[in-house]
């Protein structure tokens, strides 16, 4: 008697219809040299979804927009002048000072970006015990910290770079006849160095502070307190400098104290890179006696600013390194 073969449906339900045994992967293997990038990429992706970050980023370059509009309308007035006659506004412009002014004005908004990017970078991981997951995978403490640091450094550097480079290109194409290129042919490399200043400092300091807490809000409040206390101190030193300058009683120590804040260190570093003490926001023609009384703060000491800038940055990163642990230690 012939045996009846089982149907396809019954075979599929009773056992596999193909060999599903495990087979080892024999394709190409690469060393995990970019493990930090997986962390950085994830954090950057989360940050770019925040509407507040984009708003602060766009507003941070508003001074470049104002300068471009002012220069455009001033140039329109100059077009009807006789050949070879320069508008006195352009004749008094120190081009690199315009970049320094825009850089200085953007400091508060760059700080806000740093808070949104980094206040919870390590604190929220501490709260969620995520370090147990990160460091239990083939991911070292160095990979973790480099990834977190780059997730702050790259966006902030991009926020500074985009308006700066766009404004440089606009001026290069439009105002070469007014000395934009000849005044400082090496301005672009200097600007590229200046662009890196905020991202490096904010990424280091905010990570160090974030590692001390298990809540991003507490880390953000701590960094905000440090920032605004330093900002008020800097503004107080600036007022004292202006008063002393008007009475012809300069106090170099007060000028040095002006740079003792988050903003001050970065502005001082930018002055060193650009090799300028700055100028007024709008280059209104003035007589020699008026120019001499301009309350401009001199370029700071290179050794002092670099020591404080890099010393604070490396100290903050060392603090983050010492606080990042794979397991919770119970005393």
C-alpha atoms as a PDB file:
ATOM      1  CA  UNK A   1       0.000   0.000   0.000  1.00  0.00           C
ATOM      2  CA  UNK A   2       1.450   3.337  -1.041  1.00  0.00           C
ATOM      3  CA  UNK A   3       2.374   5.747   1.771  1.00  0.00           C
ATOM      4  CA  UNK A   4       0.885   9.217   1.434  1.00  0.00           C
ATOM      5  CA  UNK A   5       3.452  12.053   1.362  1.00  0.00           C
ATOM      6  CA  UNK A   6       2.887  14.880   3.878  1.00  0.00           C
ATOM      7  CA  UNK A   7       1.660  18.188   2.543  1.00  0.00           C
ATOM      8  CA  UNK A   8       3.911  21.244   2.294  1.00  0.00           C
ATOM      9  CA  UNK A   9       2.078  23.046   5.080  1.00  0.00           C
ATOM     10  CA  UNK A  10       2.461  20.160   7.491  1.00  0.00           C
ATOM     11  CA  UNK A  11       6.185  19.882   6.647  1.00  0.00           C
ATOM     12  CA  UNK A  12       6.764  23.571   7.276  1.00  0.00           C
ATOM     13  CA  UNK A  13       5.019  23.389  10.626  1.00  0.00           C
ATOM     14  CA  UNK A  14       6.782  20.232  11.786  1.00  0.00           C
ATOM     15  CA  UNK A  15      10.350  21.192  10.889  1.00  0.00           C
ATOM     16  CA  UNK A  16      12.588  23.524   8.864  1.00  0.00           C
ATOM     17  CA  UNK A  17      12.519  23.290   5.114  1.00  0.00           C
ATOM     18  CA  UNK A  18      16.103  24.542   4.752  1.00  0.00           C
ATOM     19  CA  UNK A  19      19.376  24.240   6.599  1.00  0.00           C
ATOM     20  CA  UNK A  20      19.379  27.047   9.142  1.00  0.00           C
ATOM     21  CA  UNK A  21      22.420  25.923  11.099  1.00  0.00           C
ATOM     22  CA  UNK A  22      24.847  28.682  12.204  1.00  0.00           C
ATOM     23  CA  UNK A  23      27.655  29.428   9.816  1.00  0.00           C
ATOM     24  CA  UNK A  24      30.614  31.618  10.824  1.00  0.00           C
ATOM     25  CA  UNK A  25      31.139  34.905   8.968  1.00  0.00           C
ATOM     26  CA  UNK A  26      34.087  34.535   6.621  1.00  0.00           C
ATOM     27  CA  UNK A  27      33.963  37.978   4.965  1.00  0.00           C
ATOM     28  CA  UNK A  28      36.453  40.833   5.362  1.00  0.00           C
ATOM     29  CA  UNK A  29      37.137  42.064   8.888  1.00  0.00           C
ATOM     30  CA  UNK A  30      38.260  45.568   9.851  1.00  0.00           C
ATOM     31  CA  UNK A  31      39.784  46.813  13.078  1.00  0.00           C
ATOM     32  CA  UNK A  32      37.378  48.878  15.221  1.00  0.00           C
ATOM     33  CA  UNK A  33      39.454  52.047  14.888  1.00  0.00           C
ATOM     34  CA  UNK A  34      36.448  54.341  14.617  1.00  0.00           C
ATOM     35  CA  UNK A  35      34.361  53.168  17.542  1.00  0.00           C
ATOM     36  CA  UNK A  36      34.277  56.740  18.853  1.00  0.00           C
ATOM     37  CA  UNK A  37      32.579  57.881  15.655  1.00  0.00           C
ATOM     38  CA  UNK A  38      29.548  55.646  16.313  1.00  0.00           C
ATOM     39  CA  UNK A  39      29.045  57.442  19.645  1.00  0.00           C
ATOM     40  CA  UNK A  40      29.685  60.895  18.167  1.00  0.00           C
ATOM     41  CA  UNK A  41      27.365  60.289  15.230  1.00  0.00           C
ATOM     42  CA  UNK A  42      24.505  59.170  17.466  1.00  0.00           C
ATOM     43  CA  UNK A  43      24.874  62.187  19.784  1.00  0.00           C
ATOM     44  CA  UNK A  44      25.121  64.622  16.863  1.00  0.00           C
ATOM     45  CA  UNK A  45      22.002  63.122  15.309  1.00  0.00           C
ATOM     46  CA  UNK A  46      20.084  63.584  18.562  1.00  0.00           C
ATOM     47  CA  UNK A  47      21.350  67.157  18.952  1.00  0.00           C
ATOM     48  CA  UNK A  48      20.374  68.204  15.447  1.00  0.00           C
ATOM     49  CA  UNK A  49      16.792  67.182  16.169  1.00  0.00           C
ATOM     50  CA  UNK A  50      16.510  69.950  18.777  1.00  0.00           C
ATOM     51  CA  UNK A  51      14.785  73.018  17.394  1.00  0.00           C
ATOM     52  CA  UNK A  52      16.441  75.246  19.979  1.00  0.00           C
ATOM     53  CA  UNK A  53      19.889  74.255  18.741  1.00  0.00           C
ATOM     54  CA  UNK A  54      19.072  75.352  15.187  1.00  0.00           C
ATOM     55  CA  UNK A  55      17.539  78.616  16.384  1.00  0.00           C
ATOM     56  CA  UNK A  56      20.590  79.497  18.482  1.00  0.00           C
ATOM     57  CA  UNK A  57      22.922  78.445  15.655  1.00  0.00           C
ATOM     58  CA  UNK A  58      21.249  80.700  13.100  1.00  0.00           C
ATOM     59  CA  UNK A  59      20.999  83.685  15.431  1.00  0.00           C
ATOM     60  CA  UNK A  60      24.676  83.370  16.435  1.00  0.00           C
ATOM     61  CA  UNK A  61      25.735  84.699  13.027  1.00  0.00           C
ATOM     62  CA  UNK A  62      23.404  87.691  12.982  1.00  0.00           C
ATOM     63  CA  UNK A  63      26.224  90.257  13.247  1.00  0.00           C
ATOM     64  CA  UNK A  64      27.710  89.051   9.967  1.00  0.00           C
ATOM     65  CA  UNK A  65      24.315  89.621   8.354  1.00  0.00           C
ATOM     66  CA  UNK A  66      24.149  93.147   9.768  1.00  0.00           C
ATOM     67  CA  UNK A  67      27.668  93.925   8.525  1.00  0.00           C
ATOM     68  CA  UNK A  68      26.901  92.551   5.068  1.00  0.00           C
ATOM     69  CA  UNK A  69      23.775  94.724   4.816  1.00  0.00           C
ATOM     70  CA  UNK A  70      25.588  97.860   6.047  1.00  0.00           C
ATOM     71  CA  UNK A  71      28.529  97.332   3.675  1.00  0.00           C
ATOM     72  CA  UNK A  72      26.165  96.685   0.766  1.00  0.00           C
ATOM     73  CA  UNK A  73      24.249  99.940   1.220  1.00  0.00           C
ATOM     74  CA  UNK A  74      27.427 101.927   1.870  1.00  0.00           C
ATOM     75  CA  UNK A  75      28.901 100.517  -1.322  1.00  0.00           C
ATOM     76  CA  UNK A  76      25.802 101.602  -3.228  1.00  0.00           C
ATOM     77  CA  UNK A  77      26.417 105.180  -2.104  1.00  0.00           C
ATOM     78  CA  UNK A  78      30.020 104.941  -3.262  1.00  0.00           C
ATOM     79  CA  UNK A  79      29.203 103.870  -6.812  1.00  0.00           C
ATOM     80  CA  UNK A  80      28.287 107.418  -7.825  1.00  0.00           C
ATOM     81  CA  UNK A  81      31.598 108.869  -6.564  1.00  0.00           C
ATOM     82  CA  UNK A  82      34.453 109.864  -8.897  1.00  0.00           C
ATOM     83  CA  UNK A  83      36.903 107.116  -9.858  1.00  0.00           C
ATOM     84  CA  UNK A  84      39.518 106.511  -7.182  1.00  0.00           C
ATOM     85  CA  UNK A  85      37.573 108.189  -4.365  1.00  0.00           C
ATOM     86  CA  UNK A  86      36.909 105.802  -1.471  1.00  0.00           C
ATOM     87  CA  UNK A  87      34.029 106.045   0.912  1.00  0.00           C
ATOM     88  CA  UNK A  88      35.430 107.144   4.322  1.00  0.00           C
ATOM     89  CA  UNK A  89      33.637 104.233   5.963  1.00  0.00           C
ATOM     90  CA  UNK A  90      35.610 101.689   3.936  1.00  0.00           C
ATOM     91  CA  UNK A  91      38.790 103.736   4.281  1.00  0.00           C
ATOM     92  CA  UNK A  92      38.621 103.259   8.085  1.00  0.00           C
ATOM     93  CA  UNK A  93      37.740  99.570   8.114  1.00  0.00           C
ATOM     94  CA  UNK A  94      40.129  97.088   9.719  1.00  0.00           C
ATOM     95  CA  UNK A  95      38.737  93.944   8.146  1.00  0.00           C
ATOM     96  CA  UNK A  96      39.972  91.396  10.661  1.00  0.00           C
ATOM     97  CA  UNK A  97      38.392  93.432  13.455  1.00  0.00           C
ATOM     98  CA  UNK A  98      34.969  92.859  11.916  1.00  0.00           C
ATOM     99  CA  UNK A  99      35.464  89.114  12.319  1.00  0.00           C
ATOM    100  CA  UNK A 100      36.641  89.625  15.896  1.00  0.00           C
ATOM    101  CA  UNK A 101      33.548  91.708  16.691  1.00  0.00           C
ATOM    102  CA  UNK A 102      31.212  89.092  15.228  1.00  0.00           C
ATOM    103  CA  UNK A 103      33.056  86.343  17.108  1.00  0.00           C
ATOM    104  CA  UNK A 104      32.754  88.252  20.398  1.00  0.00           C
ATOM    105  CA  UNK A 105      29.063  89.014  19.933  1.00  0.00           C
ATOM    106  CA  UNK A 106      28.231  85.350  19.242  1.00  0.00           C
ATOM    107  CA  UNK A 107      29.703  84.053  22.519  1.00  0.00           C
ATOM    108  CA  UNK A 108      26.451  83.834  24.493  1.00  0.00           C
ATOM    109  CA  UNK A 109      24.644  81.915  21.744  1.00  0.00           C
ATOM    110  CA  UNK A 110      27.587  79.541  21.323  1.00  0.00           C
ATOM    111  CA  UNK A 111      27.431  78.886  25.053  1.00  0.00           C
ATOM    112  CA  UNK A 112      23.716  78.074  24.748  1.00  0.00           C
ATOM    113  CA  UNK A 113      24.537  75.608  21.952  1.00  0.00           C
ATOM    114  CA  UNK A 114      27.174  74.002  24.178  1.00  0.00           C
ATOM    115  CA  UNK A 115      24.637  73.595  26.984  1.00  0.00           C
ATOM    116  CA  UNK A 116      22.132  71.873  24.710  1.00  0.00           C
ATOM    117  CA  UNK A 117      24.809  69.617  23.261  1.00  0.00           C
ATOM    118  CA  UNK A 118      26.861  68.678  26.287  1.00  0.00           C
ATOM    119  CA  UNK A 119      25.137  69.320  29.614  1.00  0.00           C
ATOM    120  CA  UNK A 120      23.623  65.842  29.628  1.00  0.00           C
ATOM    121  CA  UNK A 121      26.315  64.111  27.576  1.00  0.00           C
ATOM    122  CA  UNK A 122      27.701  62.129  30.523  1.00  0.00           C
ATOM    123  CA  UNK A 123      25.243  63.100  33.268  1.00  0.00           C
ATOM    124  CA  UNK A 124      22.300  61.443  31.534  1.00  0.00           C
ATOM    125  CA  UNK A 125      24.378  58.324  30.906  1.00  0.00           C
ATOM    126  CA  UNK A 126      25.220  58.234  34.621  1.00  0.00           C
ATOM    127  CA  UNK A 127      21.544  58.471  35.455  1.00  0.00           C
ATOM    128  CA  UNK A 128      20.557  55.695  33.051  1.00  0.00           C
ATOM    129  CA  UNK A 129      23.556  53.501  34.016  1.00  0.00           C
ATOM    130  CA  UNK A 130      24.425  53.512  30.331  1.00  0.00           C
ATOM    131  CA  UNK A 131      28.170  53.329  31.003  1.00  0.00           C
ATOM    132  CA  UNK A 132      27.644  49.677  31.937  1.00  0.00           C
ATOM    133  CA  UNK A 133      26.378  49.119  28.408  1.00  0.00           C
ATOM    134  CA  UNK A 134      28.916  51.328  26.613  1.00  0.00           C
ATOM    135  CA  UNK A 135      31.988  49.914  28.316  1.00  0.00           C
ATOM    136  CA  UNK A 136      30.804  46.300  28.338  1.00  0.00           C
ATOM    137  CA  UNK A 137      30.946  46.376  24.556  1.00  0.00           C
ATOM    138  CA  UNK A 138      34.264  46.549  22.636  1.00  0.00           C
ATOM    139  CA  UNK A 139      34.434  50.239  23.524  1.00  0.00           C
ATOM    140  CA  UNK A 140      37.145  51.714  25.721  1.00  0.00           C
ATOM    141  CA  UNK A 141      36.906  54.731  27.997  1.00  0.00           C
ATOM    142  CA  UNK A 142      38.951  56.647  25.407  1.00  0.00           C
ATOM    143  CA  UNK A 143      36.476  55.757  22.651  1.00  0.00           C
ATOM    144  CA  UNK A 144      33.598  56.915  24.840  1.00  0.00           C
ATOM    145  CA  UNK A 145      35.140  60.248  25.822  1.00  0.00           C
ATOM    146  CA  UNK A 146      36.464  61.042  22.341  1.00  0.00           C
ATOM    147  CA  UNK A 147      33.050  60.298  20.862  1.00  0.00           C
ATOM    148  CA  UNK A 148      31.272  62.523  23.376  1.00  0.00           C
ATOM    149  CA  UNK A 149      33.850  65.294  22.944  1.00  0.00           C
ATOM    150  CA  UNK A 150      33.599  65.232  19.153  1.00  0.00           C
ATOM    151  CA  UNK A 151      29.787  65.286  19.346  1.00  0.00           C
ATOM    152  CA  UNK A 152      30.093  68.743  20.941  1.00  0.00           C
ATOM    153  CA  UNK A 153      33.177  70.036  19.145  1.00  0.00           C
ATOM    154  CA  UNK A 154      31.992  69.304  15.591  1.00  0.00           C
ATOM    155  CA  UNK A 155      28.568  71.038  15.778  1.00  0.00           C
ATOM    156  CA  UNK A 156      29.888  74.138  17.581  1.00  0.00           C
ATOM    157  CA  UNK A 157      32.788  74.443  15.144  1.00  0.00           C
ATOM    158  CA  UNK A 158      30.323  74.164  12.278  1.00  0.00           C
ATOM    159  CA  UNK A 159      28.098  76.847  13.803  1.00  0.00           C
ATOM    160  CA  UNK A 160      31.084  79.238  13.949  1.00  0.00           C
ATOM    161  CA  UNK A 161      32.554  78.218  10.597  1.00  0.00           C
ATOM    162  CA  UNK A 162      29.539  78.601   8.305  1.00  0.00           C
ATOM    163  CA  UNK A 163      28.813  82.348   8.777  1.00  0.00           C
ATOM    164  CA  UNK A 164      32.522  83.188   9.100  1.00  0.00           C
ATOM    165  CA  UNK A 165      33.519  81.517   5.838  1.00  0.00           C
ATOM    166  CA  UNK A 166      30.447  82.844   4.006  1.00  0.00           C
ATOM    167  CA  UNK A 167      31.182  86.411   5.133  1.00  0.00           C
ATOM    168  CA  UNK A 168      34.850  86.006   4.185  1.00  0.00           C
ATOM    169  CA  UNK A 169      33.859  84.856   0.696  1.00  0.00           C
ATOM    170  CA  UNK A 170      31.389  87.719   0.332  1.00  0.00           C
ATOM    171  CA  UNK A 171      33.989  90.320   1.311  1.00  0.00           C
ATOM    172  CA  UNK A 172      36.664  88.724  -0.858  1.00  0.00           C
ATOM    173  CA  UNK A 173      34.460  88.952  -3.940  1.00  0.00           C
ATOM    174  CA  UNK A 174      33.019  92.391  -3.199  1.00  0.00           C
ATOM    175  CA  UNK A 175      35.644  94.496  -1.387  1.00  0.00           C
ATOM    176  CA  UNK A 176      39.063  93.583  -2.747  1.00  0.00           C
ATOM    177  CA  UNK A 177      39.376  97.142  -4.082  1.00  0.00           C
ATOM    178  CA  UNK A 178      39.019  98.385  -0.496  1.00  0.00           C
ATOM    179  CA  UNK A 179      41.994  96.395   0.736  1.00  0.00           C
ATOM    180  CA  UNK A 180      40.239  93.284   2.000  1.00  0.00           C
ATOM    181  CA  UNK A 181      42.909  90.994   0.532  1.00  0.00           C
ATOM    182  CA  UNK A 182      45.966  93.234   0.718  1.00  0.00           C
ATOM    183  CA  UNK A 183      45.430  94.282   4.349  1.00  0.00           C
ATOM    184  CA  UNK A 184      46.023  90.707   5.535  1.00  0.00           C
ATOM    185  CA  UNK A 185      46.653  87.996   2.888  1.00  0.00           C
ATOM    186  CA  UNK A 186      46.829  85.363   5.659  1.00  0.00           C
ATOM    187  CA  UNK A 187      43.465  86.251   7.141  1.00  0.00           C
ATOM    188  CA  UNK A 188      41.789  83.005   6.047  1.00  0.00           C
ATOM    189  CA  UNK A 189      44.246  80.682   7.884  1.00  0.00           C
ATOM    190  CA  UNK A 190      43.880  82.889  10.965  1.00  0.00           C
ATOM    191  CA  UNK A 191      40.096  82.628  10.762  1.00  0.00           C
ATOM    192  CA  UNK A 192      40.326  78.849  10.477  1.00  0.00           C
ATOM    193  CA  UNK A 193      42.302  78.838  13.716  1.00  0.00           C
ATOM    194  CA  UNK A 194      39.822  81.176  15.399  1.00  0.00           C
ATOM    195  CA  UNK A 195      36.918  78.946  14.348  1.00  0.00           C
ATOM    196  CA  UNK A 196      38.285  76.079  16.458  1.00  0.00           C
ATOM    197  CA  UNK A 197      38.520  78.074  19.695  1.00  0.00           C
ATOM    198  CA  UNK A 198      34.917  77.861  21.038  1.00  0.00           C
ATOM    199  CA  UNK A 199      34.314  74.217  20.176  1.00  0.00           C
ATOM    200  CA  UNK A 200      37.527  72.995  21.832  1.00  0.00           C
ATOM    201  CA  UNK A 201      36.949  74.897  25.066  1.00  0.00           C
ATOM    202  CA  UNK A 202      33.205  74.309  25.452  1.00  0.00           C
ATOM    203  CA  UNK A 203      33.463  70.601  24.596  1.00  0.00           C
ATOM    204  CA  UNK A 204      36.165  70.049  27.208  1.00  0.00           C
ATOM    205  CA  UNK A 205      34.657  72.085  30.039  1.00  0.00           C
ATOM    206  CA  UNK A 206      31.037  70.993  29.634  1.00  0.00           C
ATOM    207  CA  UNK A 207      32.065  67.311  29.563  1.00  0.00           C
ATOM    208  CA  UNK A 208      34.070  67.707  32.748  1.00  0.00           C
ATOM    209  CA  UNK A 209      31.110  69.341  34.504  1.00  0.00           C
ATOM    210  CA  UNK A 210      28.618  66.833  33.084  1.00  0.00           C
ATOM    211  CA  UNK A 211      30.653  63.930  34.497  1.00  0.00           C
ATOM    212  CA  UNK A 212      30.089  65.229  38.045  1.00  0.00           C
ATOM    213  CA  UNK A 213      26.306  64.806  37.955  1.00  0.00           C
ATOM    214  CA  UNK A 214      23.649  62.244  37.132  1.00  0.00           C
ATOM    215  CA  UNK A 215      21.206  64.846  35.801  1.00  0.00           C
ATOM    216  CA  UNK A 216      21.795  67.014  32.760  1.00  0.00           C
ATOM    217  CA  UNK A 217      19.842  69.904  34.291  1.00  0.00           C
ATOM    218  CA  UNK A 218      22.181  70.096  37.275  1.00  0.00           C
ATOM    219  CA  UNK A 219      25.240  70.040  35.025  1.00  0.00           C
ATOM    220  CA  UNK A 220      23.739  72.744  32.815  1.00  0.00           C
ATOM    221  CA  UNK A 221      22.853  74.926  35.801  1.00  0.00           C
ATOM    222  CA  UNK A 222      26.397  74.600  37.158  1.00  0.00           C
ATOM    223  CA  UNK A 223      28.021  75.583  33.863  1.00  0.00           C
ATOM    224  CA  UNK A 224      25.522  78.419  33.398  1.00  0.00           C
ATOM    225  CA  UNK A 225      26.356  79.735  36.867  1.00  0.00           C
ATOM    226  CA  UNK A 226      30.073  79.685  36.093  1.00  0.00           C
ATOM    227  CA  UNK A 227      29.486  81.369  32.754  1.00  0.00           C
ATOM    228  CA  UNK A 228      27.296  84.240  33.952  1.00  0.00           C
ATOM    229  CA  UNK A 229      29.387  84.963  37.044  1.00  0.00           C
ATOM    230  CA  UNK A 230      32.406  85.255  34.768  1.00  0.00           C
ATOM    231  CA  UNK A 231      30.414  87.343  32.283  1.00  0.00           C
ATOM    232  CA  UNK A 232      29.332  89.859  34.930  1.00  0.00           C
ATOM    233  CA  UNK A 233      32.914  90.055  36.206  1.00  0.00           C
ATOM    234  CA  UNK A 234      34.202  90.682  32.681  1.00  0.00           C
ATOM    235  CA  UNK A 235      31.643  93.428  32.063  1.00  0.00           C
ATOM    236  CA  UNK A 236      32.593  95.057  35.369  1.00  0.00           C
ATOM    237  CA  UNK A 237      36.268  95.075  34.337  1.00  0.00           C
ATOM    238  CA  UNK A 238      35.279  96.556  30.973  1.00  0.00           C
ATOM    239  CA  UNK A 239      33.396  99.415  32.683  1.00  0.00           C
ATOM    240  CA  UNK A 240      36.373 100.102  34.953  1.00  0.00           C
ATOM    241  CA  UNK A 241      38.654 100.106  31.907  1.00  0.00           C
ATOM    242  CA  UNK A 242      36.445 102.648  30.106  1.00  0.00           C
ATOM    243  CA  UNK A 243      36.331 104.925  33.170  1.00  0.00           C
ATOM    244  CA  UNK A 244      40.106 104.728  33.657  1.00  0.00           C
ATOM    245  CA  UNK A 245      40.734 105.395  29.956  1.00  0.00           C
ATOM    246  CA  UNK A 246      38.628 108.552  29.986  1.00  0.00           C
ATOM    247  CA  UNK A 247      40.603 109.840  32.940  1.00  0.00           C
ATOM    248  CA  UNK A 248      43.931 108.806  31.366  1.00  0.00           C
ATOM    249  CA  UNK A 249      44.613 106.359  34.185  1.00  0.00           C
ATOM    250  CA  UNK A 250      45.157 102.982  32.523  1.00  0.00           C
ATOM    251  CA  UNK A 251      45.400 100.001  34.861  1.00  0.00           C
ATOM    252  CA  UNK A 252      46.981  97.003  33.056  1.00  0.00           C
ATOM    253  CA  UNK A 253      45.877  94.615  35.808  1.00  0.00           C
ATOM    254  CA  UNK A 254      42.227  95.472  35.128  1.00  0.00           C
ATOM    255  CA  UNK A 255      42.745  94.749  31.430  1.00  0.00           C
ATOM    256  CA  UNK A 256      44.137  91.327  32.319  1.00  0.00           C
ATOM    257  CA  UNK A 257      41.164  90.558  34.577  1.00  0.00           C
ATOM    258  CA  UNK A 258      38.851  91.295  31.644  1.00  0.00           C
ATOM    259  CA  UNK A 259      39.904  87.988  30.101  1.00  0.00           C
ATOM    260  CA  UNK A 260      39.225  85.897  33.227  1.00  0.00           C
ATOM    261  CA  UNK A 261      35.944  84.324  32.090  1.00  0.00           C
ATOM    262  CA  UNK A 262      34.670  81.801  29.575  1.00  0.00           C
ATOM    263  CA  UNK A 263      34.022  84.548  27.035  1.00  0.00           C
ATOM    264  CA  UNK A 264      37.162  86.478  27.957  1.00  0.00           C
ATOM    265  CA  UNK A 265      39.507  83.550  27.399  1.00  0.00           C
ATOM    266  CA  UNK A 266      38.057  82.845  23.979  1.00  0.00           C
ATOM    267  CA  UNK A 267      38.057  86.511  22.918  1.00  0.00           C
ATOM    268  CA  UNK A 268      41.628  86.881  24.159  1.00  0.00           C
ATOM    269  CA  UNK A 269      42.695  83.794  22.209  1.00  0.00           C
ATOM    270  CA  UNK A 270      40.969  85.167  19.087  1.00  0.00           C
ATOM    271  CA  UNK A 271      42.821  88.474  19.492  1.00  0.00           C
ATOM    272  CA  UNK A 272      46.109  86.595  19.694  1.00  0.00           C
ATOM    273  CA  UNK A 273      45.325  84.569  16.567  1.00  0.00           C
ATOM    274  CA  UNK A 274      44.180  87.592  14.551  1.00  0.00           C
ATOM    275  CA  UNK A 275      46.886  89.827  16.094  1.00  0.00           C
ATOM    276  CA  UNK A 276      44.546  92.730  16.788  1.00  0.00           C
ATOM    277  CA  UNK A 277      43.136  94.492  19.832  1.00  0.00           C
ATOM    278  CA  UNK A 278      39.880  95.149  17.987  1.00  0.00           C
ATOM    279  CA  UNK A 279      38.096  98.314  16.974  1.00  0.00           C
ATOM    280  CA  UNK A 280      34.669  99.923  17.208  1.00  0.00           C
ATOM    281  CA  UNK A 281      31.684  97.985  15.913  1.00  0.00           C
ATOM    282  CA  UNK A 282      31.115 100.432  13.066  1.00  0.00           C
ATOM    283  CA  UNK A 283      34.186 102.168  11.591  1.00  0.00           C
ATOM    284  CA  UNK A 284      32.913 105.768  11.791  1.00  0.00           C
ATOM    285  CA  UNK A 285      35.615 108.222  10.709  1.00  0.00           C
ATOM    286  CA  UNK A 286      37.180 109.946  13.709  1.00  0.00           C
ATOM    287  CA  UNK A 287      39.944 112.426  14.306  1.00  0.00           C
ATOM    288  CA  UNK A 288      43.299 111.425  15.823  1.00  0.00           C
ATOM    289  CA  UNK A 289      42.367 112.687  19.294  1.00  0.00           C
ATOM    290  CA  UNK A 290      39.093 110.738  19.258  1.00  0.00           C
ATOM    291  CA  UNK A 291      40.799 107.583  18.038  1.00  0.00           C
ATOM    292  CA  UNK A 292      43.331 107.841  20.842  1.00  0.00           C
ATOM    293  CA  UNK A 293      40.539 107.824  23.433  1.00  0.00           C
ATOM    294  CA  UNK A 294      38.822 104.716  22.122  1.00  0.00           C
ATOM    295  CA  UNK A 295      38.463 102.382  25.156  1.00  0.00           C
ATOM    296  CA  UNK A 296      40.024  99.336  23.506  1.00  0.00           C
ATOM    297  CA  UNK A 297      41.519  96.587  25.641  1.00  0.00           C
ATOM    298  CA  UNK A 298      44.996  95.526  24.557  1.00  0.00           C
ATOM    299  CA  UNK A 299      45.932  92.076  23.289  1.00  0.00           C
ATOM    300  CA  UNK A 300      46.436  89.868  26.369  1.00  0.00           C
ATOM    301  CA  UNK A 301      49.577  88.042  27.376  1.00  0.00           C
ATOM    302  CA  UNK A 302      50.043  85.042  25.093  1.00  0.00           C
ATOM    303  CA  UNK A 303      51.504  82.866  27.836  1.00  0.00           C
ATOM    304  CA  UNK A 304      48.738  83.657  30.318  1.00  0.00           C
ATOM    305  CA  UNK A 305      45.841  83.099  27.920  1.00  0.00           C
ATOM    306  CA  UNK A 306      47.213  79.880  26.435  1.00  0.00           C
ATOM    307  CA  UNK A 307      48.060  78.497  29.876  1.00  0.00           C
ATOM    308  CA  UNK A 308      44.561  79.177  31.205  1.00  0.00           C
ATOM    309  CA  UNK A 309      42.744  78.102  28.038  1.00  0.00           C
ATOM    310  CA  UNK A 310      44.482  74.753  27.620  1.00  0.00           C
ATOM    311  CA  UNK A 311      44.997  74.216  31.352  1.00  0.00           C
ATOM    312  CA  UNK A 312      41.269  74.504  32.107  1.00  0.00           C
ATOM    313  CA  UNK A 313      40.381  72.371  29.073  1.00  0.00           C
ATOM    314  CA  UNK A 314      42.759  69.536  29.968  1.00  0.00           C
ATOM    315  CA  UNK A 315      41.819  69.692  33.650  1.00  0.00           C
ATOM    316  CA  UNK A 316      38.146  69.313  32.722  1.00  0.00           C
ATOM    317  CA  UNK A 317      38.909  66.350  30.460  1.00  0.00           C
ATOM    318  CA  UNK A 318      41.001  64.714  33.181  1.00  0.00           C
ATOM    319  CA  UNK A 319      38.054  65.140  35.535  1.00  0.00           C
ATOM    320  CA  UNK A 320      35.752  63.459  33.000  1.00  0.00           C
ATOM    321  CA  UNK A 321      38.300  60.651  32.543  1.00  0.00           C
ATOM    322  CA  UNK A 322      38.468  60.001  36.282  1.00  0.00           C
ATOM    323  CA  UNK A 323      34.673  60.014  36.671  1.00  0.00           C
ATOM    324  CA  UNK A 324      33.771  57.682  33.797  1.00  0.00           C
ATOM    325  CA  UNK A 325      33.564  54.169  35.239  1.00  0.00           C
ATOM    326  CA  UNK A 326      32.103  50.956  33.932  1.00  0.00           C
ATOM    327  CA  UNK A 327      30.664  49.880  37.277  1.00  0.00           C
ATOM    328  CA  UNK A 328      29.186  51.698  40.224  1.00  0.00           C
ATOM    329  CA  UNK A 329      31.516  51.564  43.202  1.00  0.00           C
ATOM    330  CA  UNK A 330      29.726  51.175  46.529  1.00  0.00           C
ATOM    331  CA  UNK A 331      31.807  52.299  49.482  1.00  0.00           C
END
